[in-house]
């Protein structure tokens, strides 16, 4: 990948290894930009904060969603390769797509975040993929601050999601941890939790699930223990508390039964900023649906 005159060129080229030589804190800062929402923002923010590398986010650079759209916004200036956020500016590159972003930061940080070669790296990649699966399922069946449950096949779909769709997904993770008593894999899990990019990204999705359905991890005690341990880390608390360079992050998925029936959509104030975020998220969701089709 080469960035040249605001054009992203893709081809079989030799990419200089500069930028991957320093795997310790220090060096040039990278910049991460996204809307003030958990959605696809929490995972990259956590990976950035755990990387130990210097970085800047919306809070530290004074970025807000009003700078995304419009004739002179990031989107129309071609700042993002796919016209989407999140956006990572690093090593003279502008990278989009969440999984590419977290993998690039992890590569810069080294084995403690990327995972040691072999099993730990492989499991980290599996967990990133599972995080994407969980996010995709919620997008299909769970209301957001900007899309009501009526647009997600109604309350029947919401209930089906938590009763029949999510439990098997979570049980797979429990087996990886060596749990799920009574199964042939009980006690032989291949996942020894640490703090890799995959684990942080998985946590970012589990956290959003817990905010909507607080009891969703009760049937998977080892997974719940993993979630609790990441949540207790001071760096996680900094991100969730708006104290990292990213700044404030807000809930995206919501429990439709907890949302006021009257007033602004999904209980969010209809400020210009929120309307811009909502419109942009609807566009991104439509684009992702086209890609999956």
Protein backbone atom coordinates (compact mmCIF):
# COMPACT_ATOMS: atom_id res chain seq x y z
CA UNK A 1 0.00 0.00 0.00
CA UNK A 2 1.40 3.39 -0.95
CA UNK A 3 -0.17 6.73 -0.19
CA UNK A 4 0.58 9.28 -2.90
CA UNK A 5 -1.18 12.56 -3.65
CA UNK A 6 -4.25 11.48 -1.67
CA UNK A 7 -4.68 8.36 -3.78
CA UNK A 8 -4.40 4.90 -2.31
CA UNK A 9 -2.52 2.67 -4.72
CA UNK A 10 -2.76 -1.08 -4.24
CA UNK A 11 -0.33 -3.45 -5.87
CA UNK A 12 2.45 -5.95 -5.44
CA UNK A 13 5.13 -3.60 -4.18
CA UNK A 14 7.93 -3.73 -1.66
CA UNK A 15 6.77 -1.92 1.46
CA UNK A 16 9.63 -0.53 3.53
CA UNK A 17 9.90 -2.04 6.97
CA UNK A 18 10.38 1.34 8.60
CA UNK A 19 7.76 1.82 11.22
CA UNK A 20 7.88 -1.78 12.35
CA UNK A 21 11.44 -1.52 13.67
CA UNK A 22 10.45 0.30 16.84
CA UNK A 23 8.24 -1.93 18.95
CA UNK A 24 8.61 0.10 22.14
CA UNK A 25 6.85 3.28 23.27
CA UNK A 26 8.14 6.35 21.45
CA UNK A 27 8.44 7.46 17.88
CA UNK A 28 5.91 9.24 15.70
CA UNK A 29 2.34 9.42 16.94
CA UNK A 30 -0.47 7.83 14.98
CA UNK A 31 -3.97 9.30 14.75
CA UNK A 32 -7.25 7.41 15.08
CA UNK A 33 -10.57 9.00 14.11
CA UNK A 34 -14.13 7.71 14.48
CA UNK A 35 -17.54 8.82 15.69
CA UNK A 36 -18.07 9.11 19.49
CA UNK A 37 -19.69 5.68 19.61
CA UNK A 38 -18.69 2.21 20.78
CA UNK A 39 -19.82 0.39 17.57
CA UNK A 40 -16.57 0.05 15.60
CA UNK A 41 -14.75 2.67 17.69
CA UNK A 42 -14.26 0.92 21.02
CA UNK A 43 -12.07 -1.91 19.69
CA UNK A 44 -9.50 0.29 17.91
CA UNK A 45 -9.43 2.73 20.85
CA UNK A 46 -8.63 -0.12 23.25
CA UNK A 47 -5.93 -1.53 20.98
CA UNK A 48 -4.39 1.94 20.65
CA UNK A 49 -4.44 2.49 24.42
CA UNK A 50 -2.96 -0.95 25.18
CA UNK A 51 -0.27 -0.58 22.49
CA UNK A 52 1.97 1.61 24.63
CA UNK A 53 2.62 3.72 21.52
CA UNK A 54 1.99 7.47 21.35
CA UNK A 55 -1.29 8.25 19.66
CA UNK A 56 -3.87 10.94 19.11
CA UNK A 57 -7.64 10.65 18.91
CA UNK A 58 -10.68 12.88 18.41
CA UNK A 59 -10.30 14.52 21.83
CA UNK A 60 -6.62 15.37 21.46
CA UNK A 61 -6.92 16.76 17.91
CA UNK A 62 -10.27 18.48 18.38
CA UNK A 63 -12.07 16.33 15.80
CA UNK A 64 -15.85 15.97 15.80
CA UNK A 65 -18.39 14.39 13.39
CA UNK A 66 -19.17 17.75 11.78
CA UNK A 67 -15.76 17.46 10.09
CA UNK A 68 -16.77 14.23 8.33
CA UNK A 69 -19.45 15.31 5.87
CA UNK A 70 -19.90 18.46 3.82
CA UNK A 71 -18.07 19.70 0.74
CA UNK A 72 -14.83 20.20 2.67
CA UNK A 73 -15.21 17.25 5.04
CA UNK A 74 -12.96 14.23 5.43
CA UNK A 75 -15.25 12.11 3.29
CA UNK A 76 -15.40 14.37 0.23
CA UNK A 77 -11.70 15.19 0.44
CA UNK A 78 -10.93 11.51 -0.03
CA UNK A 79 -9.24 11.22 3.36
CA UNK A 80 -10.56 7.68 3.89
CA UNK A 81 -9.85 4.94 1.31
CA UNK A 82 -13.40 3.53 1.43
CA UNK A 83 -15.19 6.69 2.44
CA UNK A 84 -15.74 5.20 5.89
CA UNK A 85 -14.62 5.53 9.48
CA UNK A 86 -12.68 4.50 11.51
CA UNK A 87 -9.60 6.02 9.92
CA UNK A 88 -6.00 5.44 10.99
CA UNK A 89 -3.23 7.80 9.90
CA UNK A 90 0.13 6.12 10.43
CA UNK A 91 3.53 5.83 8.71
CA UNK A 92 2.37 8.12 5.89
CA UNK A 93 -0.67 5.90 5.25
CA UNK A 94 -4.38 6.40 5.70
CA UNK A 95 -6.00 3.09 6.54
CA UNK A 96 -9.65 2.19 6.95
CA UNK A 97 -11.48 -1.05 7.82
CA UNK A 98 -11.48 -1.86 11.52
CA UNK A 99 -9.70 -5.20 11.39
CA UNK A 100 -6.89 -3.79 9.24
CA UNK A 101 -6.49 -0.90 11.69
CA UNK A 102 -6.22 -3.02 14.82
CA UNK A 103 -3.86 -5.47 13.13
CA UNK A 104 -1.58 -2.68 11.94
CA UNK A 105 -1.39 -1.11 15.40
CA UNK A 106 -0.75 -4.54 16.92
CA UNK A 107 2.03 -5.19 14.44
CA UNK A 108 3.65 -1.90 15.43
CA UNK A 109 3.34 -2.68 19.13
CA UNK A 110 4.86 -6.14 18.90
CA UNK A 111 4.11 -9.65 20.22
CA UNK A 112 2.49 -8.49 23.46
CA UNK A 113 -0.39 -7.11 21.39
CA UNK A 114 -0.09 -8.97 18.10
CA UNK A 115 0.44 -12.31 19.81
CA UNK A 116 3.53 -14.48 19.75
CA UNK A 117 4.04 -16.42 16.49
CA UNK A 118 2.02 -19.60 16.32
CA UNK A 119 -0.95 -20.36 18.53
CA UNK A 120 -1.33 -17.01 20.29
CA UNK A 121 -1.30 -15.06 17.03
CA UNK A 122 -3.71 -17.54 15.43
CA UNK A 123 -6.15 -17.35 18.35
CA UNK A 124 -5.99 -13.55 18.29
CA UNK A 125 -7.02 -13.60 14.64
CA UNK A 126 -9.84 -16.04 15.40
CA UNK A 127 -11.14 -13.72 18.10
CA UNK A 128 -11.04 -10.73 15.76
CA UNK A 129 -13.15 -12.70 13.29
CA UNK A 130 -15.54 -13.74 16.05
CA UNK A 131 -15.85 -10.12 17.13
CA UNK A 132 -16.92 -9.26 13.59
CA UNK A 133 -19.47 -12.08 13.69
CA UNK A 134 -21.00 -10.81 16.93
CA UNK A 135 -21.17 -7.27 15.57
CA UNK A 136 -22.85 -8.45 12.37
CA UNK A 137 -25.47 -10.40 14.32
CA UNK A 138 -26.29 -7.41 16.48
CA UNK A 139 -26.56 -5.17 13.44
CA UNK A 140 -29.19 -7.51 12.02
CA UNK A 141 -31.29 -8.01 15.14
CA UNK A 142 -30.61 -5.33 17.76
CA UNK A 143 -31.79 -1.72 17.72
CA UNK A 144 -29.27 1.12 17.74
CA UNK A 145 -29.50 4.74 18.84
CA UNK A 146 -30.32 5.60 15.24
CA UNK A 147 -32.20 2.56 13.90
CA UNK A 148 -35.31 1.43 15.85
CA UNK A 149 -36.11 -2.22 16.49
CA UNK A 150 -38.98 -2.01 14.01
CA UNK A 151 -36.32 -1.76 11.29
CA UNK A 152 -34.58 -4.87 12.66
CA UNK A 153 -37.49 -7.29 12.24
CA UNK A 154 -39.17 -6.23 15.48
CA UNK A 155 -39.03 -7.45 19.06
CA UNK A 156 -39.35 -11.05 17.93
CA UNK A 157 -35.95 -10.80 16.26
CA UNK A 158 -34.45 -9.10 19.32
CA UNK A 159 -35.68 -11.88 21.63
CA UNK A 160 -34.59 -14.60 19.20
CA UNK A 161 -31.13 -13.05 19.06
CA UNK A 162 -30.54 -13.39 22.80
CA UNK A 163 -32.40 -16.68 23.29
CA UNK A 164 -31.15 -18.69 20.31
CA UNK A 165 -28.46 -16.91 18.28
CA UNK A 166 -25.98 -15.50 20.77
CA UNK A 167 -25.78 -18.39 23.29
CA UNK A 168 -24.13 -20.84 20.84
CA UNK A 169 -21.66 -18.16 19.76
CA UNK A 170 -20.69 -17.53 23.37
CA UNK A 171 -20.45 -21.26 24.11
CA UNK A 172 -17.88 -21.61 21.31
CA UNK A 173 -15.75 -19.05 23.12
CA UNK A 174 -16.26 -20.87 26.42
CA UNK A 175 -14.91 -24.05 24.81
CA UNK A 176 -11.85 -22.18 23.55
CA UNK A 177 -11.21 -21.20 27.16
CA UNK A 178 -11.47 -24.84 28.24
CA UNK A 179 -14.96 -24.67 29.70
CA UNK A 180 -18.34 -25.99 28.60
CA UNK A 181 -18.47 -29.00 30.93
CA UNK A 182 -19.80 -32.13 29.28
CA UNK A 183 -18.29 -31.41 25.87
CA UNK A 184 -15.36 -33.29 24.39
CA UNK A 185 -13.23 -30.13 24.57
CA UNK A 186 -13.88 -29.44 28.24
CA UNK A 187 -10.64 -28.59 30.01
CA UNK A 188 -8.64 -28.54 26.77
CA UNK A 189 -9.08 -24.96 25.67
CA UNK A 190 -6.52 -23.54 23.22
CA UNK A 191 -7.03 -19.98 24.42
CA UNK A 192 -4.96 -18.73 27.34
CA UNK A 193 -6.24 -15.18 27.85
CA UNK A 194 -3.80 -12.31 27.66
CA UNK A 195 -4.24 -8.88 26.14
CA UNK A 196 -3.84 -9.39 22.42
CA UNK A 197 -5.57 -7.29 19.78
CA UNK A 198 -8.06 -10.11 19.20
CA UNK A 199 -8.95 -10.29 22.88
CA UNK A 200 -9.41 -6.53 23.11
CA UNK A 201 -11.59 -6.49 20.01
CA UNK A 202 -13.68 -9.37 21.34
CA UNK A 203 -14.07 -7.51 24.62
CA UNK A 204 -15.30 -4.45 22.73
CA UNK A 205 -18.17 -6.52 21.33
CA UNK A 206 -18.90 -8.37 24.56
CA UNK A 207 -19.10 -5.04 26.36
CA UNK A 208 -21.71 -3.78 23.93
CA UNK A 209 -23.66 -7.00 24.37
CA UNK A 210 -23.55 -6.70 28.17
CA UNK A 211 -24.86 -3.13 27.99
CA UNK A 212 -27.93 -4.41 26.13
CA UNK A 213 -28.32 -7.77 27.89
CA UNK A 214 -26.49 -7.71 31.26
CA UNK A 215 -27.03 -11.44 31.87
CA UNK A 216 -25.76 -12.65 28.49
CA UNK A 217 -22.48 -14.02 29.93
CA UNK A 218 -23.97 -15.80 32.95
CA UNK A 219 -24.01 -19.20 31.23
CA UNK A 220 -20.33 -18.91 30.26
CA UNK A 221 -18.37 -18.39 33.51
CA UNK A 222 -14.89 -18.51 31.99
CA UNK A 223 -15.86 -16.02 29.31
CA UNK A 224 -17.42 -13.80 31.96
CA UNK A 225 -14.19 -13.98 33.95
CA UNK A 226 -12.23 -12.95 30.85
CA UNK A 227 -14.60 -10.04 30.27
CA UNK A 228 -14.32 -8.93 33.89
CA UNK A 229 -10.52 -9.04 33.86
CA UNK A 230 -10.25 -6.82 30.77
CA UNK A 231 -12.87 -4.44 32.17
CA UNK A 232 -10.86 -4.08 35.38
CA UNK A 233 -7.67 -3.01 33.59
CA UNK A 234 -6.79 0.66 34.14
CA UNK A 235 -6.31 1.21 30.40
CA UNK A 236 -9.79 -0.11 29.67
CA UNK A 237 -11.19 2.20 32.34
CA UNK A 238 -9.40 5.14 30.72
CA UNK A 239 -11.00 4.40 27.36
CA UNK A 240 -14.48 3.72 28.75
CA UNK A 241 -14.24 6.78 30.97
CA UNK A 242 -13.31 9.14 28.14
CA UNK A 243 -9.85 9.76 29.58
CA UNK A 244 -7.84 8.40 26.63
CA UNK A 245 -6.84 10.52 23.60
CA UNK A 246 -10.03 9.24 21.99
CA UNK A 247 -12.32 11.05 24.41
CA UNK A 248 -15.95 10.21 25.08
CA UNK A 249 -17.53 7.10 23.59
CA UNK A 250 -21.25 6.38 23.75
CA UNK A 251 -23.49 3.34 23.58
CA UNK A 252 -24.60 2.31 20.09
CA UNK A 253 -26.76 -0.81 20.45
CA UNK A 254 -29.75 -0.45 22.77
CA UNK A 255 -32.46 -2.50 24.45
CA UNK A 256 -35.61 -1.46 22.58
CA UNK A 257 -37.75 -2.09 25.65
CA UNK A 258 -35.67 0.39 27.64
CA UNK A 259 -36.00 3.14 25.02
CA UNK A 260 -38.62 5.86 25.60
CA UNK A 261 -41.52 5.51 23.16
CA UNK A 262 -41.92 9.24 22.87
CA UNK A 263 -39.44 12.02 22.26
CA UNK A 264 -36.35 11.87 20.09
CA UNK A 265 -35.53 8.64 18.22
CA UNK A 266 -34.05 5.92 20.44
CA UNK A 267 -33.83 8.34 23.33
CA UNK A 268 -30.95 10.38 21.88
CA UNK A 269 -31.02 14.14 21.73
CA UNK A 270 -31.44 15.37 18.18
CA UNK A 271 -28.46 17.72 18.13
CA UNK A 272 -26.74 18.48 14.85
CA UNK A 273 -23.85 16.27 15.92
CA UNK A 274 -26.10 13.30 16.66
CA UNK A 275 -27.97 13.73 13.41
CA UNK A 276 -24.68 13.76 11.51
CA UNK A 277 -23.53 10.63 13.30
CA UNK A 278 -26.84 8.89 12.67
CA UNK A 279 -26.87 9.71 8.97
CA UNK A 280 -23.26 8.59 8.58
CA UNK A 281 -23.84 5.33 10.47
CA UNK A 282 -26.86 4.55 8.30
CA UNK A 283 -24.72 5.04 5.19
CA UNK A 284 -21.95 2.83 6.59
CA UNK A 285 -24.46 0.12 7.53
CA UNK A 286 -25.94 0.22 4.03
CA UNK A 287 -22.48 -0.08 2.49
CA UNK A 288 -21.55 -3.01 4.74
CA UNK A 289 -24.80 -4.76 3.81
CA UNK A 290 -23.97 -4.40 0.13
CA UNK A 291 -20.52 -5.88 0.76
CA UNK A 292 -22.01 -8.90 2.54
CA UNK A 293 -24.55 -9.50 -0.20
